Amino acid sequence: MTTDTPALEEANGADLLLIAQRALEDLKAQESVVLDVRELSSVMDWLIVASGTSSRHVKSLANNVIMRAKEQGVRPMGVEGERVGEWVLVDFGDVVVHVMQPAARSFYDLERLWSVQATEPESS
């Protein structure tokens, strides 16, 4: 059996990114944004922020990301926020997925937070 996406031992950040994006698109995530944070973080390469219309939609989106990744042999390192469904974080290491309700997304504004460019300290 051949697949478009490699299994865990071959998966890299770009593969995980594609898996997560497709899983979010499958269930109609809203305002999905991919941030390349390689220059800002040594912990992850990619950050995906997407919105769901309700707690049920947020939970379903996150669950679909997890299930699609597992189908390709990739398991998340951690998942937080599944019970409440206001903000669910799915951590794959190189790729971290945040699925949020619009109010939480607006309040925490992760896109702005992660777009801050590192600056050199001023010399006196």
Protein backbone atom coordinates (compact mmCIF):
# COMPACT_ATOMS: atom_id res chain seq x y z
CA MET A 1 0.00 0.00 0.00
CA THR A 2 1.37 3.42 -0.92
CA THR A 3 0.45 6.71 0.69
CA ASP A 4 1.07 10.33 -0.15
CA THR A 5 2.39 10.99 3.33
CA PRO A 6 5.32 9.13 4.94
CA ALA A 7 5.01 7.19 8.17
CA LEU A 8 6.44 8.38 11.48
CA GLU A 9 10.02 7.39 10.87
CA GLU A 10 10.11 9.45 7.67
CA ALA A 11 7.73 12.26 8.65
CA ASN A 12 9.13 15.74 8.97
CA GLY A 13 7.60 19.10 9.82
CA ALA A 14 6.41 19.72 6.27
CA ASP A 15 4.61 16.35 6.18
CA LEU A 16 2.95 16.97 9.54
CA LEU A 17 1.99 20.45 8.41
CA LEU A 18 0.25 19.07 5.34
CA ILE A 19 -1.56 16.38 7.35
CA ALA A 20 -2.85 18.95 9.84
CA GLN A 21 -3.89 21.44 7.16
CA ARG A 22 -5.87 18.81 5.26
CA ALA A 23 -7.53 17.56 8.45
CA LEU A 24 -8.64 21.08 9.32
CA GLU A 25 -9.90 21.72 5.78
CA ASP A 26 -11.88 18.45 5.85
CA LEU A 27 -14.08 19.75 8.66
CA LYS A 28 -14.28 23.35 7.47
CA ALA A 29 -11.97 25.10 9.94
CA GLN A 30 -12.31 28.85 9.73
CA GLU A 31 -9.50 31.36 9.18
CA SER A 32 -6.73 28.77 9.26
CA VAL A 33 -3.31 30.42 9.38
CA VAL A 34 0.11 28.77 9.12
CA LEU A 35 3.03 30.55 10.78
CA ASP A 36 6.64 29.68 10.03
CA VAL A 37 8.30 30.15 13.45
CA ARG A 38 11.65 28.52 12.66
CA GLU A 39 13.45 31.83 13.15
CA LEU A 40 11.61 32.53 16.43
CA SER A 41 11.61 29.15 18.19
CA SER A 42 13.92 26.23 18.70
CA VAL A 43 11.02 24.14 19.98
CA MET A 44 8.83 24.05 16.86
CA ASP A 45 8.97 24.93 13.18
CA TRP A 46 5.34 25.54 12.29
CA LEU A 47 2.32 26.86 14.14
CA ILE A 48 -1.21 26.47 12.82
CA VAL A 49 -4.01 28.57 14.27
CA ALA A 50 -7.58 27.83 13.21
CA SER A 51 -11.06 28.63 14.48
CA GLY A 52 -14.11 26.50 15.07
CA THR A 53 -17.64 27.80 15.35
CA SER A 54 -18.45 26.13 18.68
CA SER A 55 -16.85 23.97 21.35
CA ARG A 56 -18.10 20.88 19.52
CA HIS A 57 -16.58 22.09 16.24
CA VAL A 58 -13.25 22.94 17.94
CA LYS A 59 -13.11 19.46 19.52
CA SER A 60 -14.01 17.80 16.21
CA LEU A 61 -11.35 19.74 14.30
CA ALA A 62 -8.64 18.83 16.81
CA ASN A 63 -9.76 15.21 16.89
CA ASN A 64 -9.66 15.03 13.09
CA VAL A 65 -6.07 16.36 13.11
CA ILE A 66 -5.12 13.68 15.64
CA MET A 67 -6.88 10.88 13.75
CA ARG A 68 -5.42 11.84 10.35
CA ALA A 69 -1.93 11.95 11.82
CA LYS A 70 -2.40 8.57 13.51
CA GLU A 71 -3.48 7.11 10.17
CA GLN A 72 -0.03 8.08 8.90
CA GLY A 73 1.72 6.60 11.95
CA VAL A 74 2.23 9.93 13.72
CA ARG A 75 1.06 10.40 17.29
CA PRO A 76 0.90 13.77 19.05
CA MET A 77 3.33 14.43 21.86
CA GLY A 78 0.52 16.09 23.79
CA VAL A 79 -3.03 17.36 23.58
CA GLU A 80 -4.52 20.00 25.88
CA GLY A 81 -7.98 21.53 26.25
CA GLU A 82 -10.09 18.71 24.82
CA ARG A 83 -12.68 18.71 27.59
CA VAL A 84 -13.73 22.34 27.42
CA GLY A 85 -13.27 22.90 23.70
CA GLU A 86 -12.58 26.63 23.88
CA TRP A 87 -8.95 26.13 22.84
CA VAL A 88 -7.41 22.78 21.94
CA LEU A 89 -3.67 22.48 21.41
CA VAL A 90 -2.23 19.49 19.54
CA ASP A 91 1.56 19.22 19.80
CA PHE A 92 3.46 17.16 17.22
CA GLY A 93 6.84 18.65 18.09
CA ASP A 94 7.78 20.34 14.81
CA VAL A 95 4.16 21.36 14.26
CA VAL A 96 1.81 22.72 16.91
CA VAL A 97 -1.88 23.13 16.10
CA HIS A 98 -4.12 25.58 18.00
CA VAL A 99 -7.86 25.23 17.36
CA MET A 100 -9.81 27.96 19.09
CA GLN A 101 -13.22 29.52 19.36
CA PRO A 102 -13.23 33.04 17.87
CA ALA A 103 -13.42 34.85 21.25
CA ALA A 104 -10.37 33.00 22.62
CA ARG A 105 -8.49 33.47 19.38
CA SER A 106 -9.16 37.20 19.39
CA PHE A 107 -8.19 37.54 23.05
CA TYR A 108 -4.88 35.61 22.87
CA ASP A 109 -4.02 36.85 19.34
CA LEU A 110 -1.35 34.19 18.72
CA GLU A 111 -0.73 35.38 15.17
CA ARG A 112 0.45 38.77 16.46
CA LEU A 113 2.39 37.23 19.33
CA TRP A 114 4.35 34.91 17.02
CA SER A 115 4.94 37.55 14.36
CA VAL A 116 7.10 39.67 16.69
CA GLN A 117 10.54 39.87 15.17
CA ALA A 118 13.56 39.34 17.38
CA THR A 119 15.60 42.51 17.77
CA GLU A 120 19.21 43.08 18.65
CA PRO A 121 19.79 44.78 22.02
CA GLU A 122 20.90 48.35 21.71
CA SER A 123 24.50 49.05 22.64
CA SER A 124 25.15 51.95 24.98
